[in-house]
Amino acid sequence: MFDKLRHRFARWLAYRQTLASLRQAPDSTLADAGISRQEIREHARHASLRR
């Protein structure tokens, strides 16, 4: 049970860190990556699931 909780916390932390990074990125950088401001949450969620 502890491992599951630890894993969920790590995924949540990855989501929050990715979300913060993408929100701080300039529009030009996001555009180069093919990400719109409206897609930031979706990309952060997807990135957290890969961990």
C-alpha atoms as a PDB file:
ATOM      1  CA  MET A   1       0.000   0.000   0.000  1.00  0.00           C
ATOM      2  CA  PHE A   2       2.831   2.403   0.801  1.00  0.00           C
ATOM      3  CA  ASP A   3       4.400   1.784  -2.618  1.00  0.00           C
ATOM      4  CA  LYS A   4       1.136   2.658  -4.349  1.00  0.00           C
ATOM      5  CA  LEU A   5       0.837   5.884  -2.365  1.00  0.00           C
ATOM      6  CA  ARG A   6       4.454   6.772  -3.073  1.00  0.00           C
ATOM      7  CA  HIS A   7       3.935   6.111  -6.783  1.00  0.00           C
ATOM      8  CA  ARG A   8       0.804   8.289  -6.890  1.00  0.00           C
ATOM      9  CA  PHE A   9       2.602  11.096  -5.083  1.00  0.00           C
ATOM     10  CA  ALA A  10       5.514  10.894  -7.547  1.00  0.00           C
ATOM     11  CA  ARG A  11       3.085  11.120 -10.475  1.00  0.00           C
ATOM     12  CA  TRP A  12       1.308  14.101  -8.890  1.00  0.00           C
ATOM     13  CA  LEU A  13       4.631  15.822  -8.258  1.00  0.00           C
ATOM     14  CA  ALA A  14       5.725  15.210 -11.872  1.00  0.00           C
ATOM     15  CA  TYR A  15       2.418  16.676 -13.068  1.00  0.00           C
ATOM     16  CA  ARG A  16       2.814  19.807 -10.935  1.00  0.00           C
ATOM     17  CA  GLN A  17       6.439  20.334 -11.979  1.00  0.00           C
ATOM     18  CA  THR A  18       5.665  19.870 -15.672  1.00  0.00           C
ATOM     19  CA  LEU A  19       2.637  22.134 -15.421  1.00  0.00           C
ATOM     20  CA  ALA A  20       4.702  24.887 -13.780  1.00  0.00           C
ATOM     21  CA  SER A  21       7.459  24.587 -16.378  1.00  0.00           C
ATOM     22  CA  LEU A  22       5.082  24.726 -19.316  1.00  0.00           C
ATOM     23  CA  ARG A  23       3.167  27.655 -17.862  1.00  0.00           C
ATOM     24  CA  GLN A  24       6.415  29.614 -17.541  1.00  0.00           C
ATOM     25  CA  ALA A  25       7.554  28.848 -21.074  1.00  0.00           C
ATOM     26  CA  PRO A  26       7.174  31.626 -23.641  1.00  0.00           C
ATOM     27  CA  ASP A  27       4.578  31.197 -26.370  1.00  0.00           C
ATOM     28  CA  SER A  28       7.297  30.865 -29.003  1.00  0.00           C
ATOM     29  CA  THR A  29       8.858  27.904 -27.187  1.00  0.00           C
ATOM     30  CA  LEU A  30       5.491  26.207 -26.802  1.00  0.00           C
ATOM     31  CA  ALA A  31       4.744  26.817 -30.476  1.00  0.00           C
ATOM     32  CA  ASP A  32       8.076  25.228 -31.433  1.00  0.00           C
ATOM     33  CA  ALA A  33       7.072  22.173 -29.411  1.00  0.00           C
ATOM     34  CA  GLY A  34       3.615  22.131 -31.011  1.00  0.00           C
ATOM     35  CA  ILE A  35       1.802  22.906 -27.743  1.00  0.00           C
ATOM     36  CA  SER A  36      -0.869  25.556 -27.330  1.00  0.00           C
ATOM     37  CA  ARG A  37      -1.613  27.205 -23.985  1.00  0.00           C
ATOM     38  CA  GLN A  38      -4.925  25.326 -23.894  1.00  0.00           C
ATOM     39  CA  GLU A  39      -3.102  21.981 -24.124  1.00  0.00           C
ATOM     40  CA  ILE A  40      -0.677  22.548 -21.245  1.00  0.00           C
ATOM     41  CA  ARG A  41      -2.693  20.583 -18.654  1.00  0.00           C
ATOM     42  CA  GLU A  42      -3.157  17.656 -21.040  1.00  0.00           C
ATOM     43  CA  HIS A  43       0.569  17.487 -21.825  1.00  0.00           C
ATOM     44  CA  ALA A  44       1.480  17.738 -18.130  1.00  0.00           C
ATOM     45  CA  ARG A  45      -0.936  14.919 -17.293  1.00  0.00           C
ATOM     46  CA  HIS A  46       0.464  12.763 -20.081  1.00  0.00           C
ATOM     47  CA  ALA A  47       4.034  13.418 -18.958  1.00  0.00           C
ATOM     48  CA  SER A  48       3.191  12.407 -15.384  1.00  0.00           C
ATOM     49  CA  LEU A  49       1.799   9.064 -16.553  1.00  0.00           C
ATOM     50  CA  ARG A  50       5.093   8.154 -18.198  1.00  0.00           C
ATOM     51  CA  ARG A  51       6.943   8.149 -14.873  1.00  0.00           C
END
